[in-house]
């Protein structure tokens, strides 16, 4: 019993010694401020979104099939008419004297001063019909015919040379145009596309751009290619009109080898931007307009400092639209390039901006937290 009691008292002593070494510290001011910063980082603002298009469909282009069809029908009708006329002897005679296309019959001398003309005197000269007494007049007539035929042959050769030269020049020019068109069609028809992102932060003094983008998104028909092109142009122009309010920028453009990968990249960029909104208070995507009144601004939130506008563009270009954008001049050039995109090169587009509500605000801390990759201009 004495030995077991000794072990019990020893265990109690060791436990008391370990308990004395543990110290519980109360929360410090540093920890409290860190939690406050994290809660501020979780703040979100309202957002607007509009756009449409798809990488799956090939951009529409005008073709010359109708004009070529009309040309072929016209040539066939003219060919039929020529065939009907070719049966008449007068047509064969006109072809001989007028230098038309087709076989040319040249008179061949069959004796001294006598010519065999298949279209006059039934193929026989007057010398055979009238005897030797008319040989002098026949020789004079043959000389006149020689001169006329010589001029006709020379004129015919000149006409043929001119037609051949014009035809060669025409086909060379057409081949050059066709090669240029083939290169353009190759860029439009292949699976190589380009995905570009342009993001601009503006000072709160440019708050009228919120109203402008809202009205634009409500008015434009994003279901049509014409409406989508108008949305790109007007959004780029709205930013171009406010260079004095640009504060930060982020721009990147990359080429993707397949349309499936391009669509996945485009959707990834779109979702990343949309996740920064607490709620999308206005959307117009593919012609479907939705508005939400679920957003309730915090009356105690700091005054608005920034507005962020994002342009996501998918085009049929085989090369990136631009390189790095670091200055206002670079940004102006990129926005002008987007505003002048050819309609058949635009495949898909999405416009996002935050805050969308005029009563909402995007503070400096929220800009640094949510848009960390943007570069100050």
Protein backbone atom coordinates (compact mmCIF):
# COMPACT_ATOMS: atom_id res chain seq x y z
CA UNK A 1 0.00 0.00 0.00
CA UNK A 2 2.84 2.33 0.79
CA UNK A 3 4.39 1.76 -2.58
CA UNK A 4 1.11 2.38 -4.52
CA UNK A 5 0.46 5.54 -2.53
CA UNK A 6 3.88 6.80 -3.46
CA UNK A 7 3.13 6.33 -7.18
CA UNK A 8 -0.21 8.12 -6.90
CA UNK A 9 1.35 11.15 -5.23
CA UNK A 10 4.13 11.22 -7.81
CA UNK A 11 1.61 11.32 -10.70
CA UNK A 12 -0.29 14.18 -9.08
CA UNK A 13 2.93 16.17 -8.70
CA UNK A 14 3.93 15.69 -12.35
CA UNK A 15 0.45 16.79 -13.56
CA UNK A 16 0.56 19.94 -11.49
CA UNK A 17 4.00 20.76 -12.87
CA UNK A 18 2.81 20.41 -16.50
CA UNK A 19 -0.28 22.54 -15.89
CA UNK A 20 1.83 25.38 -14.55
CA UNK A 21 3.77 25.60 -17.85
CA UNK A 22 0.64 26.25 -20.06
CA UNK A 23 -0.35 29.91 -20.46
CA UNK A 24 -3.50 31.15 -22.23
CA UNK A 25 -2.98 34.52 -23.96
CA UNK A 26 -5.95 36.84 -24.63
CA UNK A 27 -6.58 38.17 -28.22
CA UNK A 28 -4.28 41.01 -29.22
CA UNK A 29 -4.98 44.08 -31.33
CA UNK A 30 -3.07 42.58 -34.27
CA UNK A 31 -5.37 39.59 -34.50
CA UNK A 32 -8.43 41.78 -34.24
CA UNK A 33 -7.29 44.04 -37.08
CA UNK A 34 -6.50 41.03 -39.26
CA UNK A 35 -10.01 39.71 -38.90
CA UNK A 36 -11.41 43.10 -39.74
CA UNK A 37 -9.37 43.21 -42.94
CA UNK A 38 -10.58 39.75 -43.93
CA UNK A 39 -14.19 40.73 -43.44
CA UNK A 40 -13.62 43.81 -45.59
CA UNK A 41 -12.02 41.62 -48.25
CA UNK A 42 -15.20 39.56 -48.39
CA UNK A 43 -17.20 42.59 -49.42
CA UNK A 44 -18.76 42.46 -52.90
CA UNK A 45 -20.54 44.93 -55.12
CA UNK A 46 -23.29 44.75 -57.71
CA UNK A 47 -22.44 43.86 -61.29
CA UNK A 48 -23.80 44.17 -64.81
CA UNK A 49 -23.29 41.69 -67.64
CA UNK A 50 -24.27 41.61 -71.31
CA UNK A 51 -23.05 39.81 -74.41
CA UNK A 52 -23.56 36.84 -76.67
CA UNK A 53 -22.13 34.84 -79.55
CA UNK A 54 -20.41 31.47 -79.65
CA UNK A 55 -17.18 29.83 -80.76
CA UNK A 56 -19.17 26.93 -82.21
CA UNK A 57 -20.65 28.76 -85.18
CA UNK A 58 -18.58 30.04 -88.09
CA UNK A 59 -18.94 33.82 -88.67
CA UNK A 60 -21.25 34.55 -91.59
CA UNK A 61 -19.67 35.90 -94.76
CA UNK A 62 -21.10 36.98 -98.06
CA UNK A 63 -20.33 34.74 -101.01
CA UNK A 64 -20.48 35.23 -104.76
CA UNK A 65 -22.52 32.12 -105.50
CA UNK A 66 -25.55 34.05 -106.73
CA UNK A 67 -23.52 36.20 -109.09
CA UNK A 68 -21.64 33.21 -110.45
CA UNK A 69 -24.93 31.42 -110.99
CA UNK A 70 -26.31 34.32 -112.96
CA UNK A 71 -23.18 34.44 -115.05
CA UNK A 72 -23.36 30.74 -115.84
CA UNK A 73 -27.03 30.97 -116.83
CA UNK A 74 -26.30 33.95 -119.03
CA UNK A 75 -23.49 32.13 -120.81
CA UNK A 76 -25.63 29.06 -121.38
CA UNK A 77 -28.42 31.10 -122.97
CA UNK A 78 -25.98 32.90 -125.23
CA UNK A 79 -24.45 29.57 -126.21
CA UNK A 80 -27.86 28.27 -127.21
CA UNK A 81 -28.47 31.33 -129.34
CA UNK A 82 -25.09 30.94 -131.07
CA UNK A 83 -25.85 27.32 -131.86
CA UNK A 84 -29.12 28.23 -133.58
CA UNK A 85 -27.51 30.92 -135.71
CA UNK A 86 -24.59 28.72 -136.70
CA UNK A 87 -26.88 26.60 -138.89
CA UNK A 88 -27.52 29.42 -141.36
CA UNK A 89 -25.14 29.98 -144.33
CA UNK A 90 -25.27 33.73 -143.84
CA UNK A 91 -23.79 33.29 -140.37
CA UNK A 92 -20.88 31.26 -141.82
CA UNK A 93 -20.31 33.97 -144.43
CA UNK A 94 -20.34 36.72 -141.79
CA UNK A 95 -17.80 34.79 -139.74
CA UNK A 96 -15.48 34.70 -142.72
CA UNK A 97 -15.73 38.38 -143.65
CA UNK A 98 -16.01 39.84 -140.13
CA UNK A 99 -13.14 37.95 -138.50
CA UNK A 100 -15.30 36.12 -135.93
CA UNK A 101 -14.18 33.25 -133.79
CA UNK A 102 -14.18 29.79 -135.29
CA UNK A 103 -12.42 28.35 -138.34
CA UNK A 104 -11.25 30.96 -140.84
CA UNK A 105 -11.42 29.97 -144.50
CA UNK A 106 -8.60 31.58 -146.48
CA UNK A 107 -8.91 31.53 -150.31
CA UNK A 108 -6.26 29.37 -151.91
CA UNK A 109 -5.00 30.12 -155.45
CA UNK A 110 -5.80 27.36 -157.92
CA UNK A 111 -4.15 28.93 -160.91
CA UNK A 112 -2.44 32.08 -162.06
CA UNK A 113 -4.57 34.98 -160.94
CA UNK A 114 -7.54 32.76 -160.21
CA UNK A 115 -8.93 32.15 -156.68
CA UNK A 116 -11.42 29.67 -155.45
CA UNK A 117 -13.87 31.49 -153.21
CA UNK A 118 -16.37 29.05 -151.71
CA UNK A 119 -18.95 31.79 -151.15
CA UNK A 120 -18.91 33.47 -154.57
CA UNK A 121 -19.79 32.14 -158.01
CA UNK A 122 -20.50 28.70 -156.60
CA UNK A 123 -16.85 28.05 -155.92
CA UNK A 124 -15.62 28.89 -159.47
CA UNK A 125 -13.99 32.04 -160.82
CA UNK A 126 -15.15 33.95 -163.83
CA UNK A 127 -12.13 32.67 -165.78
CA UNK A 128 -13.58 29.20 -165.89
CA UNK A 129 -16.97 30.43 -166.94
CA UNK A 130 -16.10 33.12 -169.47
CA UNK A 131 -12.96 31.73 -171.05
CA UNK A 132 -9.62 33.32 -171.69
CA UNK A 133 -11.08 36.60 -172.96
CA UNK A 134 -11.88 37.66 -169.35
CA UNK A 135 -8.50 36.72 -167.83
CA UNK A 136 -7.34 40.38 -167.63
CA UNK A 137 -10.36 41.48 -165.65
CA UNK A 138 -10.03 38.43 -163.43
CA UNK A 139 -6.41 39.28 -162.66
CA UNK A 140 -7.41 42.81 -161.65
CA UNK A 141 -10.22 41.49 -159.47
CA UNK A 142 -7.84 38.96 -157.85
CA UNK A 143 -5.40 41.72 -156.97
CA UNK A 144 -8.18 43.66 -155.26
CA UNK A 145 -9.25 40.54 -153.38
CA UNK A 146 -5.66 39.87 -152.31
CA UNK A 147 -5.41 43.34 -150.78
CA UNK A 148 -8.76 43.05 -148.97
CA UNK A 149 -8.02 39.58 -147.64
CA UNK A 150 -4.58 40.70 -146.44
CA UNK A 151 -6.05 43.56 -144.46
CA UNK A 152 -8.72 41.32 -143.02
CA UNK A 153 -6.21 38.70 -141.92
CA UNK A 154 -3.96 41.34 -140.36
CA UNK A 155 -6.91 42.90 -138.53
CA UNK A 156 -8.05 39.50 -137.34
CA UNK A 157 -4.59 38.69 -135.97
CA UNK A 158 -4.46 42.03 -134.13
CA UNK A 159 -7.89 41.39 -132.58
CA UNK A 160 -6.88 37.90 -131.48
CA UNK A 161 -3.64 39.16 -129.93
CA UNK A 162 -5.53 41.90 -128.07
CA UNK A 163 -8.12 39.44 -126.77
CA UNK A 164 -5.45 36.97 -125.64
CA UNK A 165 -3.47 39.72 -123.89
CA UNK A 166 -6.54 41.04 -122.14
CA UNK A 167 -7.53 37.51 -121.09
CA UNK A 168 -4.10 36.79 -119.62
CA UNK A 169 -4.10 40.06 -117.67
CA UNK A 170 -7.62 39.37 -116.38
CA UNK A 171 -6.82 35.86 -115.18
CA UNK A 172 -3.59 36.99 -113.51
CA UNK A 173 -5.46 39.71 -111.63
CA UNK A 174 -8.22 37.28 -110.68
CA UNK A 175 -5.66 34.76 -109.42
CA UNK A 176 -4.05 37.41 -107.23
CA UNK A 177 -7.42 38.39 -105.78
CA UNK A 178 -8.29 34.74 -105.22
CA UNK A 179 -5.05 34.12 -103.33
CA UNK A 180 -5.74 37.06 -101.03
CA UNK A 181 -9.30 35.88 -100.47
CA UNK A 182 -8.14 32.32 -99.82
CA UNK A 183 -5.73 33.51 -97.14
CA UNK A 184 -8.50 35.49 -95.46
CA UNK A 185 -10.95 32.61 -95.66
CA UNK A 186 -8.38 30.27 -94.17
CA UNK A 187 -8.09 32.49 -91.10
CA UNK A 188 -11.86 32.62 -90.76
CA UNK A 189 -12.54 28.94 -91.40
CA UNK A 190 -9.86 27.20 -89.35
CA UNK A 191 -10.15 26.33 -85.65
CA UNK A 192 -7.49 28.80 -84.45
CA UNK A 193 -9.13 31.67 -82.52
CA UNK A 194 -8.04 34.40 -80.13
CA UNK A 195 -9.40 35.23 -76.68
CA UNK A 196 -8.72 38.73 -75.34
CA UNK A 197 -9.45 40.45 -72.04
CA UNK A 198 -9.33 44.21 -71.46
CA UNK A 199 -10.08 45.47 -67.95
CA UNK A 200 -10.09 49.15 -67.03
CA UNK A 201 -10.53 50.76 -63.62
CA UNK A 202 -11.91 54.30 -63.64
CA UNK A 203 -12.17 56.88 -60.90
CA UNK A 204 -15.61 57.43 -59.37
CA UNK A 205 -15.85 60.76 -61.21
CA UNK A 206 -16.71 58.71 -64.31
CA UNK A 207 -19.91 57.46 -62.71
CA UNK A 208 -21.97 58.36 -65.79
CA UNK A 209 -20.46 55.37 -67.54
CA UNK A 210 -22.60 53.14 -65.31
CA UNK A 211 -25.78 54.66 -66.72
CA UNK A 212 -24.40 54.54 -70.27
CA UNK A 213 -23.50 50.85 -70.08
CA UNK A 214 -26.83 50.03 -68.44
CA UNK A 215 -28.84 51.74 -71.17
CA UNK A 216 -26.67 50.16 -73.86
CA UNK A 217 -27.17 46.66 -72.45
CA UNK A 218 -30.94 47.15 -72.30
CA UNK A 219 -31.27 48.56 -75.81
CA UNK A 220 -28.95 46.32 -77.85
CA UNK A 221 -30.05 42.98 -79.27
CA UNK A 222 -27.31 40.62 -78.14
CA UNK A 223 -28.88 37.71 -80.00
CA UNK A 224 -27.78 39.03 -83.41
CA UNK A 225 -24.30 39.56 -84.78
CA UNK A 226 -25.13 43.18 -85.61
CA UNK A 227 -26.23 43.89 -82.04
CA UNK A 228 -23.16 42.17 -80.64
CA UNK A 229 -20.88 44.26 -82.83
CA UNK A 230 -22.71 47.40 -81.72
CA UNK A 231 -22.19 46.41 -78.08
CA UNK A 232 -18.44 46.04 -78.61
CA UNK A 233 -18.14 49.35 -80.42
CA UNK A 234 -20.22 51.38 -77.98
CA UNK A 235 -18.53 49.90 -74.89
CA UNK A 236 -15.07 50.62 -76.29
CA UNK A 237 -16.13 54.15 -77.28
CA UNK A 238 -17.56 54.80 -73.81
CA UNK A 239 -14.15 54.02 -72.33
CA UNK A 240 -12.30 56.02 -74.98
CA UNK A 241 -14.26 59.14 -74.05
CA UNK A 242 -12.94 59.10 -70.46
CA UNK A 243 -9.13 58.79 -70.61
CA UNK A 244 -8.72 61.32 -67.80
CA UNK A 245 -10.44 58.88 -65.40
CA UNK A 246 -8.38 55.78 -66.22
CA UNK A 247 -6.46 54.59 -63.18
CA UNK A 248 -5.59 50.87 -63.63
CA UNK A 249 -5.54 48.41 -66.52
CA UNK A 250 -5.17 44.70 -67.21
CA UNK A 251 -5.02 43.47 -70.82
CA UNK A 252 -4.09 40.10 -72.27
CA UNK A 253 -4.67 38.38 -75.61
CA UNK A 254 -3.80 34.78 -76.45
CA UNK A 255 -4.30 32.43 -79.39
CA UNK A 256 -6.02 29.08 -78.84
CA UNK A 257 -5.60 26.14 -81.21
CA UNK A 258 -9.15 24.81 -81.00
CA UNK A 259 -12.57 26.36 -80.54
CA UNK A 260 -13.43 23.98 -77.72
CA UNK A 261 -10.39 25.12 -75.70
CA UNK A 262 -11.20 28.74 -76.54
CA UNK A 263 -14.73 28.34 -75.24
CA UNK A 264 -13.44 26.77 -72.01
CA UNK A 265 -10.95 29.62 -71.53
CA UNK A 266 -13.57 32.28 -72.25
CA UNK A 267 -16.02 30.76 -69.75
CA UNK A 268 -13.27 30.51 -67.14
CA UNK A 269 -12.43 34.21 -67.48
CA UNK A 270 -16.11 35.14 -67.38
CA UNK A 271 -16.82 33.13 -64.22
CA UNK A 272 -13.74 34.56 -62.51
CA UNK A 273 -15.04 38.08 -63.07
CA UNK A 274 -18.65 37.30 -62.19
CA UNK A 275 -17.60 35.71 -58.89
CA UNK A 276 -16.45 39.15 -57.76
CA UNK A 277 -20.06 40.40 -57.73
CA UNK A 278 -22.39 39.90 -54.81
CA UNK A 279 -25.28 39.79 -57.29
CA UNK A 280 -25.75 40.47 -61.00
CA UNK A 281 -28.33 43.21 -60.91
CA UNK A 282 -28.57 43.40 -64.72
CA UNK A 283 -27.91 40.79 -67.42
CA UNK A 284 -28.61 40.65 -71.14
CA UNK A 285 -26.96 37.55 -72.59
CA UNK A 286 -28.15 36.00 -75.83
CA UNK A 287 -31.17 38.30 -75.95
CA UNK A 288 -32.46 37.33 -72.48
CA UNK A 289 -32.73 40.34 -70.18
CA UNK A 290 -32.95 39.93 -66.42
CA UNK A 291 -32.88 42.51 -63.64
CA UNK A 292 -32.62 41.86 -59.91
CA UNK A 293 -33.54 44.00 -56.91
CA UNK A 294 -31.95 41.72 -54.33
CA UNK A 295 -28.95 43.98 -53.84
CA UNK A 296 -29.12 46.20 -50.75
CA UNK A 297 -26.22 48.65 -50.43
CA UNK A 298 -24.61 49.11 -47.04
CA UNK A 299 -25.28 52.69 -45.85
CA UNK A 300 -22.16 52.60 -43.66
CA UNK A 301 -19.84 51.59 -46.51
CA UNK A 302 -17.12 53.97 -47.61
CA UNK A 303 -17.85 56.30 -50.54
CA UNK A 304 -17.31 54.89 -54.00
CA UNK A 305 -13.80 55.29 -55.39
CA UNK A 306 -13.61 53.15 -58.53
CA UNK A 307 -15.59 51.58 -61.35
CA UNK A 308 -14.21 48.53 -63.16
CA UNK A 309 -15.22 47.70 -66.75
CA UNK A 310 -14.19 44.38 -68.34
CA UNK A 311 -14.33 43.42 -72.03
CA UNK A 312 -14.00 39.74 -72.97
CA UNK A 313 -13.67 39.20 -76.73
CA UNK A 314 -13.40 36.06 -78.86
CA UNK A 315 -12.29 36.62 -82.45
CA UNK A 316 -11.29 34.51 -85.46
CA UNK A 317 -7.79 36.01 -85.59
CA UNK A 318 -4.89 33.58 -85.79
CA UNK A 319 -2.61 35.92 -83.82
CA UNK A 320 -3.06 37.87 -80.55
CA UNK A 321 -4.68 41.26 -81.00
CA UNK A 322 -2.12 43.09 -78.86
CA UNK A 323 0.89 42.71 -76.60
CA UNK A 324 1.34 44.17 -73.14
CA UNK A 325 -0.61 47.28 -72.21
CA UNK A 326 1.20 49.54 -69.76
CA UNK A 327 0.41 53.11 -70.75
CA UNK A 328 -2.61 55.20 -71.68
CA UNK A 329 -1.41 55.26 -75.28
CA UNK A 330 -1.34 51.46 -75.36
CA UNK A 331 -4.84 51.29 -73.89
CA UNK A 332 -6.18 53.83 -76.39
CA UNK A 333 -4.76 51.79 -79.27
CA UNK A 334 -6.33 48.55 -77.97
CA UNK A 335 -9.76 50.12 -77.45
CA UNK A 336 -9.67 51.63 -80.95
CA UNK A 337 -8.76 48.22 -82.32
CA UNK A 338 -11.74 46.62 -80.59
CA UNK A 339 -14.08 49.36 -81.78
CA UNK A 340 -13.06 48.70 -85.40
CA UNK A 341 -13.28 44.89 -85.39
CA UNK A 342 -14.61 43.42 -88.67
CA UNK A 343 -18.06 41.95 -88.20
CA UNK A 344 -17.11 38.54 -89.61
CA UNK A 345 -14.17 38.23 -87.20
CA UNK A 346 -16.22 38.78 -84.03
CA UNK A 347 -17.35 35.44 -82.60
CA UNK A 348 -18.34 36.14 -78.99
CA UNK A 349 -18.26 39.09 -76.60
CA UNK A 350 -19.10 39.80 -72.99
CA UNK A 351 -19.25 43.14 -71.18
CA UNK A 352 -19.03 43.24 -67.38
CA UNK A 353 -18.90 46.25 -65.10
CA UNK A 354 -19.04 46.85 -61.36
CA UNK A 355 -20.72 48.49 -59.56
CA UNK A 356 -23.79 48.38 -61.76
CA UNK A 357 -26.05 50.15 -59.27
CA UNK A 358 -25.41 53.87 -59.03
CA UNK A 359 -25.97 53.68 -55.26
CA UNK A 360 -23.29 51.00 -54.90
CA UNK A 361 -19.60 51.64 -54.29
CA UNK A 362 -16.26 50.00 -54.99
CA UNK A 363 -13.67 51.13 -52.48
CA UNK A 364 -9.92 51.26 -52.81
CA UNK A 365 -9.50 48.23 -50.53
CA UNK A 366 -11.96 46.23 -52.65
CA UNK A 367 -10.08 47.18 -55.80
CA UNK A 368 -6.80 45.95 -54.34
CA UNK A 369 -8.40 42.77 -53.02
CA UNK A 370 -10.53 41.72 -55.99
CA UNK A 371 -8.45 43.06 -58.88
CA UNK A 372 -4.95 42.28 -57.72
CA UNK A 373 -3.43 41.86 -61.22
CA UNK A 374 -4.30 45.33 -62.50
CA UNK A 375 -1.46 47.75 -63.21
CA UNK A 376 -1.66 51.42 -62.35
CA UNK A 377 -1.46 53.77 -65.32
